[in-house]
Protein backbone atom coordinates (compact mmCIF):
# COMPACT_ATOMS: atom_id res chain seq x y z
CA MET A 1 39.59 -7.29 -25.75
CA ASP A 2 43.33 -8.65 -26.84
CA GLY A 3 42.86 -11.48 -29.07
CA TRP A 4 39.33 -11.14 -30.25
CA GLU A 5 38.48 -9.49 -33.85
CA VAL A 6 35.25 -8.46 -35.65
CA THR A 7 33.75 -10.07 -38.51
CA ALA A 8 31.42 -7.93 -40.43
CA SER A 9 28.78 -9.46 -42.73
CA LEU A 10 26.24 -8.44 -44.99
CA VAL A 11 23.51 -10.97 -44.99
CA ASP A 12 20.69 -11.11 -47.87
CA TYR A 13 17.44 -12.19 -47.25
CA ALA A 14 15.68 -12.36 -50.63
CA PRO A 15 11.43 -12.59 -50.75
CA GLY A 16 10.50 -15.50 -48.71
CA ARG A 17 14.24 -16.50 -47.73
CA VAL A 18 14.21 -18.89 -44.28
CA GLY A 19 17.90 -19.43 -42.88
CA THR A 20 18.98 -22.57 -40.66
CA ALA A 21 19.70 -22.70 -37.14
CA HIS A 22 23.22 -21.62 -36.58
CA HIS A 23 25.51 -19.96 -33.94
CA HIS A 24 28.65 -18.11 -33.63
CA PRO A 25 31.44 -18.47 -31.22
CA GLY A 26 31.31 -15.19 -29.58
CA PHE A 27 28.50 -12.34 -29.48
CA VAL A 28 27.02 -11.01 -32.18
CA LEU A 29 24.99 -7.41 -33.07
CA ALA A 30 22.87 -7.20 -35.73
CA TYR A 31 21.62 -4.22 -37.74
CA VAL A 32 18.53 -4.27 -40.09
CA LEU A 33 19.85 -2.10 -43.12
CA SER A 34 16.66 -2.85 -45.12
CA GLY A 35 13.14 -4.60 -44.75
CA ARG A 36 12.41 -6.88 -41.90
CA VAL A 37 14.09 -9.80 -40.57
CA VAL A 38 12.32 -12.16 -38.27
CA ALA A 39 14.52 -13.87 -35.47
CA LYS A 40 14.53 -16.00 -32.36
CA ILE A 41 17.73 -16.36 -30.58
CA SER A 42 18.00 -18.67 -27.71
CA GLY A 43 17.17 -17.67 -24.08
CA GLN A 44 15.65 -14.22 -25.35
CA GLY A 45 12.20 -15.30 -25.18
CA GLU A 46 9.92 -15.48 -28.52
CA GLU A 47 10.75 -14.61 -32.05
CA ARG A 48 10.34 -11.10 -32.81
CA THR A 49 10.10 -9.03 -36.24
CA TYR A 50 13.07 -6.15 -36.66
CA SER A 51 12.53 -3.43 -39.05
CA THR A 52 15.10 -1.19 -40.73
CA GLY A 53 17.18 0.55 -38.34
CA GLU A 54 16.56 -1.93 -35.35
CA MET A 55 19.22 -4.33 -34.13
CA PHE A 56 19.61 -7.28 -31.93
CA TYR A 57 21.71 -8.77 -30.23
CA GLU A 58 23.37 -12.53 -29.65
CA GLN A 59 24.77 -13.70 -26.76
CA PRO A 60 27.68 -16.29 -26.21
CA GLY A 61 26.43 -19.90 -26.43
CA ALA A 62 23.14 -19.04 -27.72
CA THR A 63 21.36 -20.22 -31.17
CA HIS A 64 20.07 -18.25 -33.56
CA GLU A 65 16.58 -20.67 -34.11
CA VAL A 66 14.94 -18.48 -36.33
CA SER A 67 16.29 -16.18 -39.24
CA ARG A 68 13.72 -15.24 -42.23
CA ASN A 69 12.77 -12.51 -44.12
CA ALA A 70 9.33 -11.13 -42.72
CA SER A 71 8.38 -10.62 -46.63
CA GLU A 72 7.45 -12.90 -49.31
CA THR A 73 7.72 -9.74 -51.92
CA GLU A 74 10.41 -7.62 -50.71
CA PRO A 75 14.32 -8.28 -50.13
CA ALA A 76 16.07 -7.49 -46.39
CA GLN A 77 19.60 -7.28 -45.62
CA LEU A 78 21.38 -7.07 -42.29
CA LEU A 79 24.91 -6.32 -41.10
CA ALA A 80 26.07 -8.95 -38.15
CA MET A 81 29.19 -7.99 -36.64
CA ILE A 82 30.41 -11.32 -34.68
CA PHE A 83 32.86 -10.43 -31.71
CA ALA A 84 35.15 -13.65 -31.44
CA LYS A 85 38.54 -14.95 -30.72
CA LYS A 86 41.03 -14.90 -33.18
CA GLY A 87 40.76 -17.51 -35.58
CA ALA A 88 37.46 -19.08 -34.51
CA THR A 89 34.84 -19.84 -37.39
CA ALA A 90 32.46 -17.06 -37.44
CA THR A 91 29.35 -19.13 -38.20
CA THR A 92 28.43 -22.83 -37.37
CA GLN A 93 25.24 -24.62 -39.16
CA GLY A 94 23.57 -26.44 -36.38
CA SER A 95 22.22 -25.81 -32.39
CA ALA A 96 25.10 -24.55 -30.13
CA PRO A 97 26.78 -26.86 -27.65
CA LYS A 98 24.98 -27.11 -24.48
């Protein structure tokens, strides 16, 4: 994967936190480190709840439509590994271009 890089980000979800729709320039592997996270990725069906130890994939060109903590009382955290061409902006708010 010459010309590509991996950006690793910890995403903290305070109790009740709801994220905004966003997209990435390449693909993403997300691993839930603690708590439970609700996600919906365009092209992957309905939203789903992921628990500690589970992971999900965001394909290139997808929009992360739903991103929220499943709990109103407990925090959650995930590790997002974003694979993209060097120099690309890792995360952009809003829907991915079609």
